[in-house]
Each structure stands twice: as C-alpha cells, then as structure tokens.
C-alpha cells in the first residue's frame, strides 16, 4: 500500500499537476519503482491511497483508495482509508515519495512481528548530503534487540539517533486493530502523524514495534534538491536490478 494522498508542495514545480508518487525521476515514476520493489517482496496486489489529484492514478495499475480529507489529515488518516486491506492480511506500507531496494522490502515482509518498520542505520551520510546540518531534519530513533524504544523527537545530538525511519512498514491485522482502538479512544491520538503514532504505541506499551535495518540504498524526495542527491541512489538501485537510469523527467 502506497500512501500518496498529500499535496507535495515542497517538491514544486514538479507536483503542480500530479502527486509526488507520479513524478518521473531517472526515467520512471516513483510509483513504478514502488511497484517493482513491492512486487519483488512478494506483494500480490498493489494499492495506493490518493487525495491530491486522485484522478491521476486512473489507469496506472494499483487499486485506488481515497482519503477525502487529505488536505487536513496526516498519513495515519490516509492509512485508515485502506482499512479493508489492513483487516484482511499483512500489508507492506510505503510513503509515496521514497525509493528503496527490493531487498529491504523483502526483509520487512519476512519480519516476525505484528508491526515492523524499516530504518536506515547509516542515516548520517544521506542526511549530510541533503541538509547543511543533519540534525535539522532528523528525528530521535532508539531501539534495542530489534525493538523500537523511541521515535519522532527532536534530537540534540547524533547520539540520540540510532537510525532514521524510512517511511516503510509492515502491518498485520492484529496490529491494525490495536491502532484503530488507540485512535478511536482519544481524538489527540487520531490526529497524530505516523511517527507520533508509533511513539504513542511504544510509550504506552500498546504494541511492540520491530525494527528492520535497510538492506541497500534508499532516498526520500521531499524537496527539489533531493533530486540531485537521489540520483546516485537511483543509479545504485538500477544497477542492482540490471537497469540503466536515464536522465529524463525531473
């Protein structure tokens, strides 16, 4: 399930008439790259939660779910739009603006946990390429023995950042039921973004969250500057699949 409901305004002008997921970078759209990686991980069907320019996904292949309140809600609310799938079986969920290695998706799919997230233990190198000060955009991330302890805070030092959450997770029906109940019990919980929700689950001991390290390169495309940074990631990913990255599109 690809979460692609947001406006993507920080990636303007490329998102003037389409969601970030349909922006072409390195010869293919981010949606095409998701489809390939998730398919390699064993996904039997691909879905997308749309909002901004939802009609643009017509004919692209995935089953389309719609978050009608996309402009005023978080990714957690978009996730709820896919409720039928989340009740039915395990679902790999990916933010629409990331790319990642199929090996990472496979490792996450194999996680023996009700809820698991992928993270980058070598985040500092990528963040140093993207930001003058890596801590400006980093979030706290602490884990031990493959279990998340904390996430989503503002770090003061790199020692508080054992990795960075990638926007890639696996949710099983029991985990989704716990999330649904937590969001229904408190309006403040329902309004949390994804990392805030994960932090609430862990701190409240409502659910254990497994952590799975990335197996291969990845990147997030949030700002136009990320396109230049991400090209070397795309080249590495395409080399791993035998593809050649073309310099077309964004």
Protein backbone atom coordinates (compact mmCIF):
# COMPACT_ATOMS: atom_id res chain seq x y z
CA UNK A 1 0.00 0.00 0.00
CA UNK A 2 1.50 3.32 -1.11
CA UNK A 3 0.48 6.44 0.80
CA UNK A 4 0.28 9.21 -1.79
CA UNK A 5 -2.56 11.50 -0.75
CA UNK A 6 -0.55 14.63 0.11
CA UNK A 7 -0.14 17.82 -1.89
CA UNK A 8 3.65 17.50 -2.17
CA UNK A 9 4.03 21.28 -2.22
CA UNK A 10 7.67 21.16 -1.14
CA UNK A 11 8.53 19.39 -4.40
CA UNK A 12 7.06 22.13 -6.60
CA UNK A 13 7.10 22.75 -9.52
CA UNK A 14 7.16 19.01 -10.25
CA UNK A 15 3.94 18.43 -8.30
CA UNK A 16 1.93 21.27 -9.82
CA UNK A 17 -0.42 18.85 -11.58
CA UNK A 18 0.33 15.44 -10.01
CA UNK A 19 1.10 13.70 -6.71
CA UNK A 20 4.76 13.17 -5.85
CA UNK A 21 4.31 9.46 -6.47
CA UNK A 22 3.72 10.18 -10.18
CA UNK A 23 6.74 12.42 -10.66
CA UNK A 24 9.24 10.85 -13.05
CA UNK A 25 12.80 10.76 -11.72
CA UNK A 26 15.53 8.90 -13.54
CA UNK A 27 13.29 7.64 -16.31
CA UNK A 28 10.47 6.16 -14.22
CA UNK A 29 7.83 7.41 -11.83
CA UNK A 30 8.18 6.79 -8.13
CA UNK A 31 5.01 4.68 -8.41
CA UNK A 32 6.70 2.39 -10.95
CA UNK A 33 9.68 1.99 -8.62
CA UNK A 34 7.36 1.12 -5.72
CA UNK A 35 5.54 -1.45 -7.82
CA UNK A 36 8.79 -3.14 -8.74
CA UNK A 37 10.22 -3.21 -5.20
CA UNK A 38 6.99 -4.34 -3.55
CA UNK A 39 6.38 -6.95 -6.22
CA UNK A 40 9.87 -8.33 -5.62
CA UNK A 41 8.96 -8.63 -1.94
CA UNK A 42 6.00 -10.85 -2.82
CA UNK A 43 3.15 -8.34 -2.85
CA UNK A 44 0.20 -9.98 -4.61
CA UNK A 45 -1.57 -6.68 -5.27
CA UNK A 46 -0.55 -3.03 -5.14
CA UNK A 47 -2.80 -0.31 -3.76
CA UNK A 48 -2.43 3.43 -3.40
CA UNK A 49 -4.16 5.90 -1.09
CA UNK A 50 -4.76 9.03 -3.14
CA UNK A 51 -6.02 12.52 -2.36
CA UNK A 52 -4.47 15.41 -4.25
CA UNK A 53 -5.23 14.82 -7.97
CA UNK A 54 -6.53 11.32 -7.19
CA UNK A 55 -7.78 11.04 -10.77
CA UNK A 56 -4.17 10.97 -11.98
CA UNK A 57 -3.87 7.39 -10.71
CA UNK A 58 -6.57 6.10 -13.03
CA UNK A 59 -5.11 3.52 -15.38
CA UNK A 60 -1.75 3.29 -13.59
CA UNK A 61 -2.39 -0.21 -12.26
CA UNK A 62 -2.79 -0.11 -8.46
CA UNK A 63 -6.15 -0.29 -6.75
CA UNK A 64 -7.00 3.24 -5.64
CA UNK A 65 -8.29 4.15 -2.17
CA UNK A 66 -9.11 7.80 -1.46
CA UNK A 67 -8.61 9.92 1.63
CA UNK A 68 -11.23 12.66 1.03
CA UNK A 69 -9.81 14.73 3.90
CA UNK A 70 -6.22 14.58 2.62
CA UNK A 71 -5.68 18.34 2.93
CA UNK A 72 -6.25 18.42 6.67
CA UNK A 73 -5.15 15.00 7.90
CA UNK A 74 -1.95 13.01 8.36
CA UNK A 75 -0.58 9.85 6.77
CA UNK A 76 -2.11 7.88 9.62
CA UNK A 77 -5.54 9.03 8.42
CA UNK A 78 -4.62 8.05 4.86
CA UNK A 79 -3.69 4.63 6.19
CA UNK A 80 -7.20 4.28 7.59
CA UNK A 81 -8.59 4.71 4.07
CA UNK A 82 -7.11 1.27 3.32
CA UNK A 83 -8.95 -0.31 6.26
CA UNK A 84 -10.37 -3.26 4.24
CA UNK A 85 -6.90 -4.45 3.28
CA UNK A 86 -5.43 -3.87 6.73
CA UNK A 87 -8.14 -6.02 8.31
CA UNK A 88 -7.65 -8.79 5.76
CA UNK A 89 -3.94 -9.62 5.99
CA UNK A 90 -0.38 -8.32 6.36
CA UNK A 91 0.28 -5.18 4.32
CA UNK A 92 3.56 -3.52 3.38
CA UNK A 93 3.04 0.23 3.57
CA UNK A 94 5.31 2.77 1.89
CA UNK A 95 5.32 6.55 1.79
CA UNK A 96 4.83 7.64 -1.80
CA UNK A 97 7.95 9.79 -2.02
CA UNK A 98 10.64 7.22 -1.19
CA UNK A 99 12.70 4.71 -3.17
CA UNK A 100 14.33 1.64 -1.63
CA UNK A 101 15.93 -1.67 -2.51
CA UNK A 102 13.71 -4.71 -3.10
CA UNK A 103 15.88 -6.50 -0.52
CA UNK A 104 14.68 -4.06 2.15
CA UNK A 105 11.06 -4.74 1.27
CA UNK A 106 11.72 -8.49 1.36
CA UNK A 107 13.38 -8.27 4.78
CA UNK A 108 10.47 -6.25 6.12
CA UNK A 109 7.93 -8.68 4.66
CA UNK A 110 9.70 -11.52 6.48
CA UNK A 111 9.66 -9.77 9.87
CA UNK A 112 8.16 -11.93 12.61
CA UNK A 113 6.20 -9.17 14.33
CA UNK A 114 2.70 -7.70 14.34
CA UNK A 115 4.14 -4.31 13.38
CA UNK A 116 7.59 -3.70 11.90
CA UNK A 117 9.33 -0.66 10.43
CA UNK A 118 12.40 -0.32 8.22
CA UNK A 119 15.15 2.08 9.25
CA UNK A 120 18.50 3.31 7.95
CA UNK A 121 21.32 2.71 10.45
CA UNK A 122 23.69 4.73 8.23
CA UNK A 123 21.38 7.72 8.01
CA UNK A 124 24.02 10.37 8.70
CA UNK A 125 25.66 10.03 5.28
CA UNK A 126 22.38 10.59 3.40
CA UNK A 127 21.25 13.37 5.73
CA UNK A 128 24.62 15.11 5.32
CA UNK A 129 24.03 15.17 1.57
CA UNK A 130 20.51 16.53 1.98
CA UNK A 131 20.96 19.10 4.76
CA UNK A 132 23.63 21.54 5.89
CA UNK A 133 23.03 20.31 9.45
CA UNK A 134 21.76 16.70 9.51
CA UNK A 135 20.10 17.25 12.90
CA UNK A 136 17.82 19.94 11.46
CA UNK A 137 15.57 17.32 9.87
CA UNK A 138 16.49 14.16 11.80
CA UNK A 139 14.23 12.58 14.42
CA UNK A 140 15.17 10.65 17.51
CA UNK A 141 15.30 6.91 16.98
CA UNK A 142 16.21 4.42 19.69
CA UNK A 143 15.94 0.66 19.59
CA UNK A 144 17.35 -2.39 21.33
CA UNK A 145 17.37 -6.05 20.34
CA UNK A 146 15.30 -5.29 17.26
CA UNK A 147 12.55 -3.45 19.16
CA UNK A 148 11.70 0.24 18.92
CA UNK A 149 12.12 2.25 22.13
CA UNK A 150 11.51 5.80 20.91
CA UNK A 151 10.95 7.76 17.72
CA UNK A 152 9.89 11.17 16.47
CA UNK A 153 11.51 13.58 18.91
CA UNK A 154 13.83 16.48 18.16
CA UNK A 155 17.43 15.28 18.72
CA UNK A 156 20.08 17.48 20.33
CA UNK A 157 22.98 15.20 19.36
CA UNK A 158 23.58 12.38 16.89
CA UNK A 159 23.84 10.01 19.86
CA UNK A 160 20.04 10.21 20.10
CA UNK A 161 19.68 8.98 16.52
CA UNK A 162 20.46 5.28 16.11
CA UNK A 163 18.84 5.33 12.69
CA UNK A 164 16.14 7.03 10.66
CA UNK A 165 12.70 5.65 9.96
CA UNK A 166 12.30 5.32 6.20
CA UNK A 167 8.55 5.55 5.76
CA UNK A 168 8.31 1.82 5.12
CA UNK A 169 6.43 -0.51 7.45
CA UNK A 170 4.55 -3.82 7.69
CA UNK A 171 1.22 -4.00 9.47
CA UNK A 172 -0.71 -7.17 10.35
CA UNK A 173 -4.45 -7.27 11.18
CA UNK A 174 -3.84 -7.59 14.97
CA UNK A 175 -1.56 -4.53 14.88
CA UNK A 176 -4.09 -2.59 12.83
CA UNK A 177 -6.83 -3.45 15.32
CA UNK A 178 -4.66 -2.06 18.14
CA UNK A 179 -4.03 1.09 16.13
CA UNK A 180 -7.74 1.50 15.34
CA UNK A 181 -8.68 1.21 19.00
CA UNK A 182 -5.98 3.65 20.09
CA UNK A 183 -7.10 6.23 17.53
CA UNK A 184 -10.77 5.77 18.43
CA UNK A 185 -10.11 6.12 22.17
CA UNK A 186 -8.57 9.58 22.05
CA UNK A 187 -9.03 12.37 19.46
CA UNK A 188 -5.48 13.52 20.16
CA UNK A 189 -4.16 10.12 19.12
CA UNK A 190 -6.28 10.19 15.97
CA UNK A 191 -4.60 13.47 14.97
CA UNK A 192 -1.03 12.18 15.32
CA UNK A 193 1.26 11.80 12.32
CA UNK A 194 2.85 8.41 11.67
CA UNK A 195 5.94 8.78 13.83
CA UNK A 196 3.82 10.32 16.57
CA UNK A 197 1.52 7.33 16.40
CA UNK A 198 4.44 4.90 16.57
CA UNK A 199 5.80 6.77 19.59
CA UNK A 200 2.40 6.61 21.28
CA UNK A 201 2.15 2.85 20.71
CA UNK A 202 5.62 2.22 22.12
CA UNK A 203 5.48 4.60 25.07
CA UNK A 204 2.03 3.40 26.04
CA UNK A 205 3.14 -0.22 25.72
CA UNK A 206 0.20 -0.83 23.47
CA UNK A 207 2.23 -2.65 20.84
CA UNK A 208 5.80 -3.79 20.25
CA UNK A 209 7.33 -2.40 17.07
CA UNK A 210 10.10 -4.41 15.40
CA UNK A 211 12.94 -2.59 13.65
CA UNK A 212 14.41 -3.92 10.40
CA UNK A 213 17.62 -2.35 9.01
CA UNK A 214 17.66 -1.27 5.37
CA UNK A 215 19.31 -3.76 3.03
CA UNK A 216 20.50 -1.43 0.26
CA UNK A 217 20.28 2.26 -0.61
CA UNK A 218 17.20 4.43 -0.30
CA UNK A 219 16.20 8.06 -0.57
CA UNK A 220 13.29 10.42 0.10
CA UNK A 221 12.24 13.00 -2.47
CA UNK A 222 10.78 15.83 -0.40
CA UNK A 223 12.49 18.91 -1.88
CA UNK A 224 13.79 19.70 -5.40
CA UNK A 225 17.33 19.48 -4.01
CA UNK A 226 16.67 15.81 -3.17
CA UNK A 227 16.53 15.02 -6.88
CA UNK A 228 20.23 15.77 -7.35
CA UNK A 229 21.08 13.92 -4.13
CA UNK A 230 18.91 10.96 -5.03
CA UNK A 231 20.28 10.32 -8.49
CA UNK A 232 23.24 8.34 -7.15
CA UNK A 233 20.77 6.25 -5.12
CA UNK A 234 18.70 5.58 -8.23
CA UNK A 235 21.81 4.60 -10.16
CA UNK A 236 22.77 2.17 -7.40
CA UNK A 237 19.28 0.68 -7.26
CA UNK A 238 19.03 0.38 -11.04
CA UNK A 239 22.47 -1.21 -11.23
CA UNK A 240 21.28 -3.80 -8.72
CA UNK A 241 18.32 -4.69 -10.95
CA UNK A 242 20.22 -4.54 -14.23
CA UNK A 243 18.52 -1.32 -15.30
CA UNK A 244 20.09 1.82 -16.66
CA UNK A 245 18.96 5.12 -15.17
CA UNK A 246 18.06 7.60 -17.90
CA UNK A 247 18.38 11.34 -17.41
CA UNK A 248 14.80 12.19 -18.28
CA UNK A 249 11.95 13.71 -16.34
CA UNK A 250 12.83 15.55 -13.16
